[in-house]
C-alpha atoms as a PDB file:
ATOM      1  CA  UNK A   1    -113.107 143.456 -70.835  1.00  0.00           C
ATOM      2  CA  UNK A   2    -113.385 146.228 -68.481  1.00  0.00           C
ATOM      3  CA  UNK A   3    -111.921 144.810 -65.783  1.00  0.00           C
ATOM      4  CA  UNK A   4    -108.855 143.939 -67.288  1.00  0.00           C
ATOM      5  CA  UNK A   5    -108.853 147.939 -68.607  1.00  0.00           C
ATOM      6  CA  UNK A   6    -108.873 148.822 -64.862  1.00  0.00           C
ATOM      7  CA  UNK A   7    -106.063 146.136 -64.127  1.00  0.00           C
ATOM      8  CA  UNK A   8    -103.853 147.921 -66.773  1.00  0.00           C
ATOM      9  CA  UNK A   9    -104.582 151.411 -65.766  1.00  0.00           C
ATOM     10  CA  UNK A  10    -103.520 150.515 -62.179  1.00  0.00           C
ATOM     11  CA  UNK A  11    -100.421 148.347 -63.162  1.00  0.00           C
ATOM     12  CA  UNK A  12     -99.737 151.792 -65.283  1.00  0.00           C
ATOM     13  CA  UNK A  13    -100.127 154.048 -62.400  1.00  0.00           C
ATOM     14  CA  UNK A  14     -98.494 152.055 -60.328  1.00  0.00           C
ATOM     15  CA  UNK A  15     -95.029 151.700 -62.270  1.00  0.00           C
ATOM     16  CA  UNK A  16     -95.370 155.651 -62.933  1.00  0.00           C
ATOM     17  CA  UNK A  17     -95.598 156.377 -59.086  1.00  0.00           C
ATOM     18  CA  UNK A  18     -92.440 154.150 -58.364  1.00  0.00           C
ATOM     19  CA  UNK A  19     -90.152 155.913 -61.358  1.00  0.00           C
ATOM     20  CA  UNK A  20     -91.164 159.239 -59.585  1.00  0.00           C
ATOM     21  CA  UNK A  21     -90.517 158.005 -56.034  1.00  0.00           C
ATOM     22  CA  UNK A  22     -87.322 157.152 -56.832  1.00  0.00           C
ATOM     23  CA  UNK A  23     -86.687 160.371 -58.454  1.00  0.00           C
ATOM     24  CA  UNK A  24     -87.976 162.050 -55.827  1.00  0.00           C
ATOM     25  CA  UNK A  25     -86.042 160.124 -53.010  1.00  0.00           C
ATOM     26  CA  UNK A  26     -82.522 161.406 -55.279  1.00  0.00           C
ATOM     27  CA  UNK A  27     -84.008 165.004 -55.351  1.00  0.00           C
ATOM     28  CA  UNK A  28     -84.404 164.756 -51.708  1.00  0.00           C
ATOM     29  CA  UNK A  29     -81.003 163.286 -50.632  1.00  0.00           C
ATOM     30  CA  UNK A  30     -79.528 165.698 -53.133  1.00  0.00           C
ATOM     31  CA  UNK A  31     -81.352 168.616 -51.491  1.00  0.00           C
ATOM     32  CA  UNK A  32     -80.590 167.251 -47.640  1.00  0.00           C
ATOM     33  CA  UNK A  33     -76.928 166.760 -47.943  1.00  0.00           C
ATOM     34  CA  UNK A  34     -76.645 170.495 -50.137  1.00  0.00           C
ATOM     35  CA  UNK A  35     -78.624 172.359 -47.087  1.00  0.00           C
ATOM     36  CA  UNK A  36     -76.433 170.498 -44.398  1.00  0.00           C
ATOM     37  CA  UNK A  37     -73.520 171.559 -46.458  1.00  0.00           C
ATOM     38  CA  UNK A  38     -74.180 175.058 -47.208  1.00  0.00           C
ATOM     39  CA  UNK A  39     -72.823 176.699 -43.899  1.00  0.00           C
ATOM     40  CA  UNK A  40     -69.235 175.919 -45.267  1.00  0.00           C
ATOM     41  CA  UNK A  41     -69.826 176.845 -48.543  1.00  0.00           C
ATOM     42  CA  UNK A  42     -70.699 180.359 -47.789  1.00  0.00           C
ATOM     43  CA  UNK A  43     -67.643 180.483 -45.464  1.00  0.00           C
ATOM     44  CA  UNK A  44     -65.128 179.186 -48.177  1.00  0.00           C
ATOM     45  CA  UNK A  45     -65.848 178.510 -52.331  1.00  0.00           C
ATOM     46  CA  UNK A  46     -66.487 175.357 -53.240  1.00  0.00           C
ATOM     47  CA  UNK A  47     -63.172 175.903 -55.642  1.00  0.00           C
ATOM     48  CA  UNK A  48     -60.799 176.291 -52.818  1.00  0.00           C
ATOM     49  CA  UNK A  49     -62.522 173.586 -51.204  1.00  0.00           C
ATOM     50  CA  UNK A  50     -61.269 171.122 -53.423  1.00  0.00           C
ATOM     51  CA  UNK A  51     -58.159 172.459 -54.322  1.00  0.00           C
ATOM     52  CA  UNK A  52     -56.846 172.850 -50.667  1.00  0.00           C
ATOM     53  CA  UNK A  53     -54.707 170.086 -49.508  1.00  0.00           C
ATOM     54  CA  UNK A  54     -54.389 170.929 -45.161  1.00  0.00           C
ATOM     55  CA  UNK A  55     -56.966 169.629 -43.000  1.00  0.00           C
ATOM     56  CA  UNK A  56     -57.478 171.063 -39.679  1.00  0.00           C
ATOM     57  CA  UNK A  57     -60.840 171.071 -38.658  1.00  0.00           C
ATOM     58  CA  UNK A  58     -59.631 172.683 -35.181  1.00  0.00           C
ATOM     59  CA  UNK A  59     -58.661 175.793 -37.015  1.00  0.00           C
ATOM     60  CA  UNK A  60     -61.518 175.678 -39.296  1.00  0.00           C
ATOM     61  CA  UNK A  61     -59.525 174.954 -42.598  1.00  0.00           C
ATOM     62  CA  UNK A  62     -61.142 171.907 -44.378  1.00  0.00           C
ATOM     63  CA  UNK A  63     -59.242 171.320 -47.197  1.00  0.00           C
ATOM     64  CA  UNK A  64     -60.364 168.188 -49.955  1.00  0.00           C
ATOM     65  CA  UNK A  65     -58.272 167.409 -52.003  1.00  0.00           C
ATOM     66  CA  UNK A  66     -55.951 165.132 -50.334  1.00  0.00           C
ATOM     67  CA  UNK A  67     -59.423 162.830 -49.861  1.00  0.00           C
ATOM     68  CA  UNK A  68     -60.394 163.289 -53.188  1.00  0.00           C
ATOM     69  CA  UNK A  69     -56.742 162.222 -54.804  1.00  0.00           C
ATOM     70  CA  UNK A  70     -57.141 159.319 -52.137  1.00  0.00           C
ATOM     71  CA  UNK A  71     -60.202 158.042 -53.497  1.00  0.00           C
ATOM     72  CA  UNK A  72     -59.093 158.178 -57.209  1.00  0.00           C
ATOM     73  CA  UNK A  73     -55.668 156.402 -56.448  1.00  0.00           C
ATOM     74  CA  UNK A  74     -57.331 153.291 -54.572  1.00  0.00           C
ATOM     75  CA  UNK A  75     -60.381 153.446 -57.082  1.00  0.00           C
ATOM     76  CA  UNK A  76     -58.178 153.128 -59.992  1.00  0.00           C
ATOM     77  CA  UNK A  77     -55.507 151.245 -58.807  1.00  0.00           C
ATOM     78  CA  UNK A  78     -58.407 148.918 -58.136  1.00  0.00           C
ATOM     79  CA  UNK A  79     -59.950 148.739 -61.530  1.00  0.00           C
ATOM     80  CA  UNK A  80     -56.700 148.432 -63.407  1.00  0.00           C
ATOM     81  CA  UNK A  81     -56.059 145.621 -60.833  1.00  0.00           C
ATOM     82  CA  UNK A  82     -60.236 144.257 -61.538  1.00  0.00           C
ATOM     83  CA  UNK A  83     -60.853 144.961 -64.990  1.00  0.00           C
ATOM     84  CA  UNK A  84     -58.627 142.525 -66.738  1.00  0.00           C
ATOM     85  CA  UNK A  85     -58.918 139.686 -64.580  1.00  0.00           C
ATOM     86  CA  UNK A  86     -62.553 139.953 -64.696  1.00  0.00           C
ATOM     87  CA  UNK A  87     -62.879 140.050 -68.044  1.00  0.00           C
ATOM     88  CA  UNK A  88     -60.923 137.179 -68.754  1.00  0.00           C
ATOM     89  CA  UNK A  89     -62.469 135.397 -66.140  1.00  0.00           C
ATOM     90  CA  UNK A  90     -66.039 136.073 -67.763  1.00  0.00           C
ATOM     91  CA  UNK A  91     -64.915 134.969 -70.763  1.00  0.00           C
ATOM     92  CA  UNK A  92     -63.763 131.902 -70.047  1.00  0.00           C
ATOM     93  CA  UNK A  93     -66.678 130.813 -68.026  1.00  0.00           C
ATOM     94  CA  UNK A  94     -68.645 132.100 -70.758  1.00  0.00           C
ATOM     95  CA  UNK A  95     -67.392 130.913 -74.213  1.00  0.00           C
ATOM     96  CA  UNK A  96     -64.820 128.091 -72.431  1.00  0.00           C
ATOM     97  CA  UNK A  97     -65.470 126.096 -69.738  1.00  0.00           C
ATOM     98  CA  UNK A  98     -67.350 123.316 -69.945  1.00  0.00           C
ATOM     99  CA  UNK A  99     -70.813 122.499 -67.998  1.00  0.00           C
ATOM    100  CA  UNK A 100     -69.448 121.220 -64.918  1.00  0.00           C
ATOM    101  CA  UNK A 101     -66.942 123.756 -64.219  1.00  0.00           C
ATOM    102  CA  UNK A 102     -68.877 126.598 -64.739  1.00  0.00           C
ATOM    103  CA  UNK A 103     -71.370 125.079 -62.319  1.00  0.00           C
ATOM    104  CA  UNK A 104     -68.993 124.655 -60.031  1.00  0.00           C
ATOM    105  CA  UNK A 105     -67.292 128.414 -60.459  1.00  0.00           C
ATOM    106  CA  UNK A 106     -70.202 130.044 -60.891  1.00  0.00           C
ATOM    107  CA  UNK A 107     -71.672 129.714 -57.413  1.00  0.00           C
ATOM    108  CA  UNK A 108     -68.062 130.742 -56.005  1.00  0.00           C
ATOM    109  CA  UNK A 109     -68.086 134.145 -57.843  1.00  0.00           C
ATOM    110  CA  UNK A 110     -71.900 134.799 -56.490  1.00  0.00           C
ATOM    111  CA  UNK A 111     -70.465 133.639 -53.149  1.00  0.00           C
ATOM    112  CA  UNK A 112     -67.616 136.359 -53.428  1.00  0.00           C
ATOM    113  CA  UNK A 113     -70.009 139.330 -53.957  1.00  0.00           C
ATOM    114  CA  UNK A 114     -72.239 138.305 -51.076  1.00  0.00           C
ATOM    115  CA  UNK A 115     -69.217 138.334 -48.186  1.00  0.00           C
ATOM    116  CA  UNK A 116     -69.117 141.496 -45.759  1.00  0.00           C
ATOM    117  CA  UNK A 117     -66.774 144.033 -46.723  1.00  0.00           C
ATOM    118  CA  UNK A 118     -65.230 144.655 -43.555  1.00  0.00           C
ATOM    119  CA  UNK A 119     -64.449 140.425 -43.886  1.00  0.00           C
ATOM    120  CA  UNK A 120     -62.786 141.224 -46.485  1.00  0.00           C
ATOM    121  CA  UNK A 121     -61.203 144.009 -44.526  1.00  0.00           C
ATOM    122  CA  UNK A 122     -60.443 141.680 -42.246  1.00  0.00           C
ATOM    123  CA  UNK A 123     -58.453 139.496 -44.970  1.00  0.00           C
ATOM    124  CA  UNK A 124     -56.607 142.858 -46.543  1.00  0.00           C
ATOM    125  CA  UNK A 125     -55.456 143.336 -42.831  1.00  0.00           C
ATOM    126  CA  UNK A 126     -54.145 140.120 -42.163  1.00  0.00           C
ATOM    127  CA  UNK A 127     -52.439 138.574 -45.656  1.00  0.00           C
ATOM    128  CA  UNK A 128     -52.777 141.978 -47.584  1.00  0.00           C
ATOM    129  CA  UNK A 129     -50.844 144.873 -46.225  1.00  0.00           C
ATOM    130  CA  UNK A 130     -48.174 142.550 -44.730  1.00  0.00           C
ATOM    131  CA  UNK A 131     -47.000 141.300 -47.916  1.00  0.00           C
ATOM    132  CA  UNK A 132     -47.653 145.184 -49.643  1.00  0.00           C
ATOM    133  CA  UNK A 133     -45.688 146.113 -46.898  1.00  0.00           C
ATOM    134  CA  UNK A 134     -42.493 143.814 -47.391  1.00  0.00           C
ATOM    135  CA  UNK A 135     -42.829 145.083 -51.535  1.00  0.00           C
ATOM    136  CA  UNK A 136     -42.804 148.631 -50.360  1.00  0.00           C
ATOM    137  CA  UNK A 137     -40.024 148.190 -48.169  1.00  0.00           C
ATOM    138  CA  UNK A 138     -38.267 146.495 -50.955  1.00  0.00           C
ATOM    139  CA  UNK A 139     -38.844 148.857 -53.652  1.00  0.00           C
ATOM    140  CA  UNK A 140     -37.740 151.817 -50.895  1.00  0.00           C
ATOM    141  CA  UNK A 141     -34.648 150.442 -50.555  1.00  0.00           C
ATOM    142  CA  UNK A 142     -33.611 149.076 -53.993  1.00  0.00           C
ATOM    143  CA  UNK A 143     -35.709 151.007 -56.676  1.00  0.00           C
ATOM    144  CA  UNK A 144     -36.071 154.403 -54.499  1.00  0.00           C
ATOM    145  CA  UNK A 145     -35.395 156.442 -57.893  1.00  0.00           C
ATOM    146  CA  UNK A 146     -38.169 155.070 -59.971  1.00  0.00           C
ATOM    147  CA  UNK A 147     -40.426 158.110 -60.731  1.00  0.00           C
ATOM    148  CA  UNK A 148     -44.451 157.585 -59.107  1.00  0.00           C
ATOM    149  CA  UNK A 149     -43.274 153.828 -57.332  1.00  0.00           C
ATOM    150  CA  UNK A 150     -40.886 154.930 -54.163  1.00  0.00           C
ATOM    151  CA  UNK A 151     -42.953 155.812 -51.416  1.00  0.00           C
ATOM    152  CA  UNK A 152     -42.704 159.072 -50.161  1.00  0.00           C
ATOM    153  CA  UNK A 153     -43.044 157.679 -46.417  1.00  0.00           C
ATOM    154  CA  UNK A 154     -42.059 155.072 -44.422  1.00  0.00           C
ATOM    155  CA  UNK A 155     -43.594 151.933 -45.599  1.00  0.00           C
ATOM    156  CA  UNK A 156     -45.887 150.164 -43.498  1.00  0.00           C
ATOM    157  CA  UNK A 157     -48.174 148.108 -46.281  1.00  0.00           C
ATOM    158  CA  UNK A 158     -51.356 150.404 -45.219  1.00  0.00           C
ATOM    159  CA  UNK A 159     -51.509 152.009 -48.512  1.00  0.00           C
ATOM    160  CA  UNK A 160     -52.814 152.557 -51.745  1.00  0.00           C
ATOM    161  CA  UNK A 161     -52.051 149.449 -53.158  1.00  0.00           C
ATOM    162  CA  UNK A 162     -53.232 147.578 -50.259  1.00  0.00           C
ATOM    163  CA  UNK A 163     -57.152 149.432 -50.411  1.00  0.00           C
ATOM    164  CA  UNK A 164     -56.966 148.842 -54.417  1.00  0.00           C
ATOM    165  CA  UNK A 165     -56.077 144.824 -54.014  1.00  0.00           C
ATOM    166  CA  UNK A 166     -59.095 144.629 -51.229  1.00  0.00           C
ATOM    167  CA  UNK A 167     -61.454 146.936 -53.450  1.00  0.00           C
ATOM    168  CA  UNK A 168     -60.415 144.496 -56.468  1.00  0.00           C
ATOM    169  CA  UNK A 169     -61.178 141.705 -54.881  1.00  0.00           C
ATOM    170  CA  UNK A 170     -65.005 143.476 -53.792  1.00  0.00           C
ATOM    171  CA  UNK A 171     -65.639 144.408 -57.304  1.00  0.00           C
ATOM    172  CA  UNK A 172     -64.303 141.681 -59.401  1.00  0.00           C
ATOM    173  CA  UNK A 173     -67.329 139.293 -58.335  1.00  0.00           C
ATOM    174  CA  UNK A 174     -70.067 141.800 -59.493  1.00  0.00           C
ATOM    175  CA  UNK A 175     -67.696 142.495 -63.188  1.00  0.00           C
ATOM    176  CA  UNK A 176     -67.717 138.975 -63.798  1.00  0.00           C
ATOM    177  CA  UNK A 177     -71.197 138.393 -62.940  1.00  0.00           C
ATOM    178  CA  UNK A 178     -72.406 140.657 -65.133  1.00  0.00           C
ATOM    179  CA  UNK A 179     -69.892 140.254 -67.687  1.00  0.00           C
ATOM    180  CA  UNK A 180     -70.894 135.980 -67.679  1.00  0.00           C
ATOM    181  CA  UNK A 181     -74.623 137.250 -67.836  1.00  0.00           C
ATOM    182  CA  UNK A 182     -73.916 139.755 -71.047  1.00  0.00           C
ATOM    183  CA  UNK A 183     -71.878 137.290 -73.226  1.00  0.00           C
ATOM    184  CA  UNK A 184     -74.136 134.702 -72.879  1.00  0.00           C
ATOM    185  CA  UNK A 185     -76.874 136.719 -74.375  1.00  0.00           C
ATOM    186  CA  UNK A 186     -75.163 137.214 -77.662  1.00  0.00           C
ATOM    187  CA  UNK A 187     -76.976 135.084 -80.008  1.00  0.00           C
ATOM    188  CA  UNK A 188     -74.973 132.038 -80.874  1.00  0.00           C
ATOM    189  CA  UNK A 189     -76.128 132.298 -84.624  1.00  0.00           C
ATOM    190  CA  UNK A 190     -73.312 135.117 -84.776  1.00  0.00           C
ATOM    191  CA  UNK A 191     -70.835 132.567 -83.361  1.00  0.00           C
ATOM    192  CA  UNK A 192     -71.637 129.729 -85.729  1.00  0.00           C
ATOM    193  CA  UNK A 193     -71.908 132.034 -88.646  1.00  0.00           C
ATOM    194  CA  UNK A 194     -68.258 133.381 -87.877  1.00  0.00           C
ATOM    195  CA  UNK A 195     -66.880 129.821 -87.027  1.00  0.00           C
ATOM    196  CA  UNK A 196     -68.284 128.768 -90.311  1.00  0.00           C
ATOM    197  CA  UNK A 197     -65.869 131.395 -92.682  1.00  0.00           C
ATOM    198  CA  UNK A 198     -63.171 129.686 -91.061  1.00  0.00           C
ATOM    199  CA  UNK A 199     -62.511 131.884 -88.017  1.00  0.00           C
ATOM    200  CA  UNK A 200     -60.897 130.620 -84.618  1.00  0.00           C
ATOM    201  CA  UNK A 201     -62.618 130.531 -81.742  1.00  0.00           C
ATOM    202  CA  UNK A 202     -60.702 133.210 -80.214  1.00  0.00           C
ATOM    203  CA  UNK A 203     -61.330 135.535 -83.538  1.00  0.00           C
ATOM    204  CA  UNK A 204     -65.049 134.899 -82.793  1.00  0.00           C
ATOM    205  CA  UNK A 205     -64.827 135.785 -79.314  1.00  0.00           C
ATOM    206  CA  UNK A 206     -62.849 138.948 -79.650  1.00  0.00           C
ATOM    207  CA  UNK A 207     -64.726 140.106 -82.598  1.00  0.00           C
ATOM    208  CA  UNK A 208     -67.764 139.328 -82.716  1.00  0.00           C
ATOM    209  CA  UNK A 209     -68.879 138.652 -79.040  1.00  0.00           C
ATOM    210  CA  UNK A 210     -67.060 141.021 -77.327  1.00  0.00           C
ATOM    211  CA  UNK A 211     -68.162 143.798 -80.067  1.00  0.00           C
ATOM    212  CA  UNK A 212     -71.764 142.667 -79.485  1.00  0.00           C
ATOM    213  CA  UNK A 213     -71.486 142.577 -75.931  1.00  0.00           C
ATOM    214  CA  UNK A 214     -69.773 146.145 -75.447  1.00  0.00           C
ATOM    215  CA  UNK A 215     -72.684 147.691 -73.816  1.00  0.00           C
ATOM    216  CA  UNK A 216     -72.897 145.105 -71.281  1.00  0.00           C
ATOM    217  CA  UNK A 217     -69.458 145.077 -70.304  1.00  0.00           C
ATOM    218  CA  UNK A 218     -68.843 148.700 -70.054  1.00  0.00           C
ATOM    219  CA  UNK A 219     -71.890 148.929 -67.939  1.00  0.00           C
ATOM    220  CA  UNK A 220     -70.613 146.144 -65.930  1.00  0.00           C
ATOM    221  CA  UNK A 221     -66.856 148.231 -65.255  1.00  0.00           C
ATOM    222  CA  UNK A 222     -68.933 151.969 -64.572  1.00  0.00           C
ATOM    223  CA  UNK A 223     -70.997 149.660 -61.748  1.00  0.00           C
ATOM    224  CA  UNK A 224     -68.028 148.085 -60.868  1.00  0.00           C
ATOM    225  CA  UNK A 225     -66.593 151.508 -60.532  1.00  0.00           C
ATOM    226  CA  UNK A 226     -68.920 153.160 -58.762  1.00  0.00           C
ATOM    227  CA  UNK A 227     -69.356 150.507 -56.138  1.00  0.00           C
ATOM    228  CA  UNK A 228     -65.061 150.758 -55.379  1.00  0.00           C
ATOM    229  CA  UNK A 229     -65.347 154.823 -55.334  1.00  0.00           C
ATOM    230  CA  UNK A 230     -67.853 154.488 -52.529  1.00  0.00           C
ATOM    231  CA  UNK A 231     -66.775 151.706 -50.603  1.00  0.00           C
ATOM    232  CA  UNK A 232     -65.932 152.876 -46.823  1.00  0.00           C
ATOM    233  CA  UNK A 233     -65.102 149.928 -44.552  1.00  0.00           C
ATOM    234  CA  UNK A 234     -62.857 147.295 -46.137  1.00  0.00           C
ATOM    235  CA  UNK A 235     -61.139 150.476 -47.574  1.00  0.00           C
ATOM    236  CA  UNK A 236     -60.960 152.387 -44.257  1.00  0.00           C
ATOM    237  CA  UNK A 237     -59.087 149.450 -42.589  1.00  0.00           C
ATOM    238  CA  UNK A 238     -56.209 148.953 -44.925  1.00  0.00           C
ATOM    239  CA  UNK A 239     -55.189 152.312 -46.745  1.00  0.00           C
ATOM    240  CA  UNK A 240     -53.391 153.990 -43.748  1.00  0.00           C
ATOM    241  CA  UNK A 241     -55.879 156.919 -43.579  1.00  0.00           C
ATOM    242  CA  UNK A 242     -53.383 159.603 -43.532  1.00  0.00           C
ATOM    243  CA  UNK A 243     -54.740 163.110 -45.285  1.00  0.00           C
ATOM    244  CA  UNK A 244     -51.830 163.709 -47.416  1.00  0.00           C
ATOM    245  CA  UNK A 245     -51.659 163.370 -51.295  1.00  0.00           C
ATOM    246  CA  UNK A 246     -50.097 160.314 -52.555  1.00  0.00           C
ATOM    247  CA  UNK A 247     -47.035 160.128 -54.784  1.00  0.00           C
ATOM    248  CA  UNK A 248     -46.898 156.685 -54.518  1.00  0.00           C
ATOM    249  CA  UNK A 249     -49.183 153.324 -55.256  1.00  0.00           C
ATOM    250  CA  UNK A 250     -47.257 152.531 -51.519  1.00  0.00           C
ATOM    251  CA  UNK A 251     -47.974 155.874 -49.937  1.00  0.00           C
ATOM    252  CA  UNK A 252     -51.053 155.522 -47.686  1.00  0.00           C
ATOM    253  CA  UNK A 253     -54.091 157.873 -48.294  1.00  0.00           C
ATOM    254  CA  UNK A 254     -57.470 158.776 -47.204  1.00  0.00           C
ATOM    255  CA  UNK A 255     -61.065 158.323 -49.358  1.00  0.00           C
ATOM    256  CA  UNK A 256     -63.542 160.263 -49.018  1.00  0.00           C
ATOM    257  CA  UNK A 257     -66.061 157.626 -47.507  1.00  0.00           C
ATOM    258  CA  UNK A 258     -63.561 156.630 -44.752  1.00  0.00           C
ATOM    259  CA  UNK A 259     -63.136 160.436 -44.170  1.00  0.00           C
ATOM    260  CA  UNK A 260     -67.252 160.270 -43.042  1.00  0.00           C
ATOM    261  CA  UNK A 261     -67.144 156.993 -41.562  1.00  0.00           C
ATOM    262  CA  UNK A 262     -64.023 157.930 -38.846  1.00  0.00           C
ATOM    263  CA  UNK A 263     -64.910 161.565 -38.012  1.00  0.00           C
ATOM    264  CA  UNK A 264     -68.891 161.947 -37.955  1.00  0.00           C
ATOM    265  CA  UNK A 265     -69.166 160.961 -34.449  1.00  0.00           C
ATOM    266  CA  UNK A 266     -66.578 163.843 -33.306  1.00  0.00           C
ATOM    267  CA  UNK A 267     -68.224 166.436 -35.407  1.00  0.00           C
ATOM    268  CA  UNK A 268     -70.439 168.340 -33.416  1.00  0.00           C
ATOM    269  CA  UNK A 269     -67.840 170.228 -30.780  1.00  0.00           C
ATOM    270  CA  UNK A 270     -66.508 171.699 -33.869  1.00  0.00           C
ATOM    271  CA  UNK A 271     -67.947 174.519 -35.558  1.00  0.00           C
ATOM    272  CA  UNK A 272     -68.589 173.809 -39.478  1.00  0.00           C
ATOM    273  CA  UNK A 273     -67.263 170.190 -39.200  1.00  0.00           C
ATOM    274  CA  UNK A 274     -70.812 168.997 -39.465  1.00  0.00           C
ATOM    275  CA  UNK A 275     -71.415 170.927 -42.951  1.00  0.00           C
ATOM    276  CA  UNK A 276     -67.355 169.755 -44.383  1.00  0.00           C
ATOM    277  CA  UNK A 277     -68.808 166.118 -43.526  1.00  0.00           C
ATOM    278  CA  UNK A 278     -71.977 166.748 -45.423  1.00  0.00           C
ATOM    279  CA  UNK A 279     -70.182 168.055 -48.592  1.00  0.00           C
ATOM    280  CA  UNK A 280     -67.814 165.043 -48.487  1.00  0.00           C
ATOM    281  CA  UNK A 281     -70.940 163.135 -48.611  1.00  0.00           C
ATOM    282  CA  UNK A 282     -72.370 165.432 -51.376  1.00  0.00           C
ATOM    283  CA  UNK A 283     -69.426 165.055 -52.962  1.00  0.00           C
ATOM    284  CA  UNK A 284     -69.428 161.103 -52.928  1.00  0.00           C
ATOM    285  CA  UNK A 285     -73.572 161.310 -53.888  1.00  0.00           C
ATOM    286  CA  UNK A 286     -72.882 163.413 -57.023  1.00  0.00           C
ATOM    287  CA  UNK A 287     -69.173 161.071 -58.290  1.00  0.00           C
ATOM    288  CA  UNK A 288     -71.640 158.069 -58.223  1.00  0.00           C
ATOM    289  CA  UNK A 289     -74.573 159.747 -60.057  1.00  0.00           C
ATOM    290  CA  UNK A 290     -72.170 161.281 -63.128  1.00  0.00           C
ATOM    291  CA  UNK A 291     -70.803 158.115 -63.160  1.00  0.00           C
ATOM    292  CA  UNK A 292     -74.013 156.151 -63.802  1.00  0.00           C
ATOM    293  CA  UNK A 293     -75.389 158.889 -65.953  1.00  0.00           C
ATOM    294  CA  UNK A 294     -72.564 158.700 -68.065  1.00  0.00           C
ATOM    295  CA  UNK A 295     -73.109 155.153 -68.006  1.00  0.00           C
ATOM    296  CA  UNK A 296     -76.408 155.217 -69.378  1.00  0.00           C
ATOM    297  CA  UNK A 297     -74.959 157.652 -72.315  1.00  0.00           C
ATOM    298  CA  UNK A 298     -72.133 155.175 -72.711  1.00  0.00           C
ATOM    299  CA  UNK A 299     -74.626 152.318 -73.355  1.00  0.00           C
ATOM    300  CA  UNK A 300     -76.640 154.263 -75.961  1.00  0.00           C
ATOM    301  CA  UNK A 301     -74.003 155.468 -78.040  1.00  0.00           C
ATOM    302  CA  UNK A 302     -72.451 152.080 -78.059  1.00  0.00           C
ATOM    303  CA  UNK A 303     -75.680 150.221 -78.907  1.00  0.00           C
ATOM    304  CA  UNK A 304     -76.602 153.076 -81.813  1.00  0.00           C
ATOM    305  CA  UNK A 305     -73.327 151.811 -82.952  1.00  0.00           C
ATOM    306  CA  UNK A 306     -73.984 148.415 -83.000  1.00  0.00           C
ATOM    307  CA  UNK A 307     -77.263 148.438 -84.269  1.00  0.00           C
ATOM    308  CA  UNK A 308     -75.725 150.710 -87.650  1.00  0.00           C
END
């Protein structure tokens, strides 16, 4: 009895230590980035850095607005493409697919989640960028009067849309896998009760299964958003890396992760460049942290709403 009590206390202590270690590492990372970013924050207020549109490190001008806008443009484009297709695919796998079909498709989805990002980037350069370039040329020629559609720069294919398509391919397996597991975890008794009342299969999925699975679906979407916002290599290869404010999905962009990856090796010779890139990393870190915290709050609220 004493031995089992000692093991219980030891396991509890290890769990507490692990939790505090994770919190401590998160705090240490935030502190390190903040301390390294302080020189540029002393030089310029954060508001002017976030709203500035000029990026000229040699002149000491650091405006993050184009990079923040580029990250948002690419990420939101990716989510707009990935979420509907991912949800429909997960619903098919969980509710409609025969066992043989599911056993074939599920490993393929898991395989897509494990493909290195650089492979997606190469696929984007070889296939997606040329296709987007042709579409952009057509839009520029025939639909130049359509607001928010016609590119403001000569179309090359390296654009927000190309980056969004590549990111959509990358985050879709994650959203599909999580949503599929969440849907399959809904008790079968809920489905049977609804079908017994005369509801169709789609009505059962739409009004019962999806409602019960809302917290998990929201979690899957937010997890996909966080991954898309922080993705570096694949986006860097197809988005164009032009530090300007995108005006159209066919314009090039320059997301924050690409800024850090492209310029970290050149920062030592220019004053404040190190601090500027550390501030970019801090902004990226805080954004992903806020998204995850928001996911937890939404999950709790939706969980309480379903329980009521």
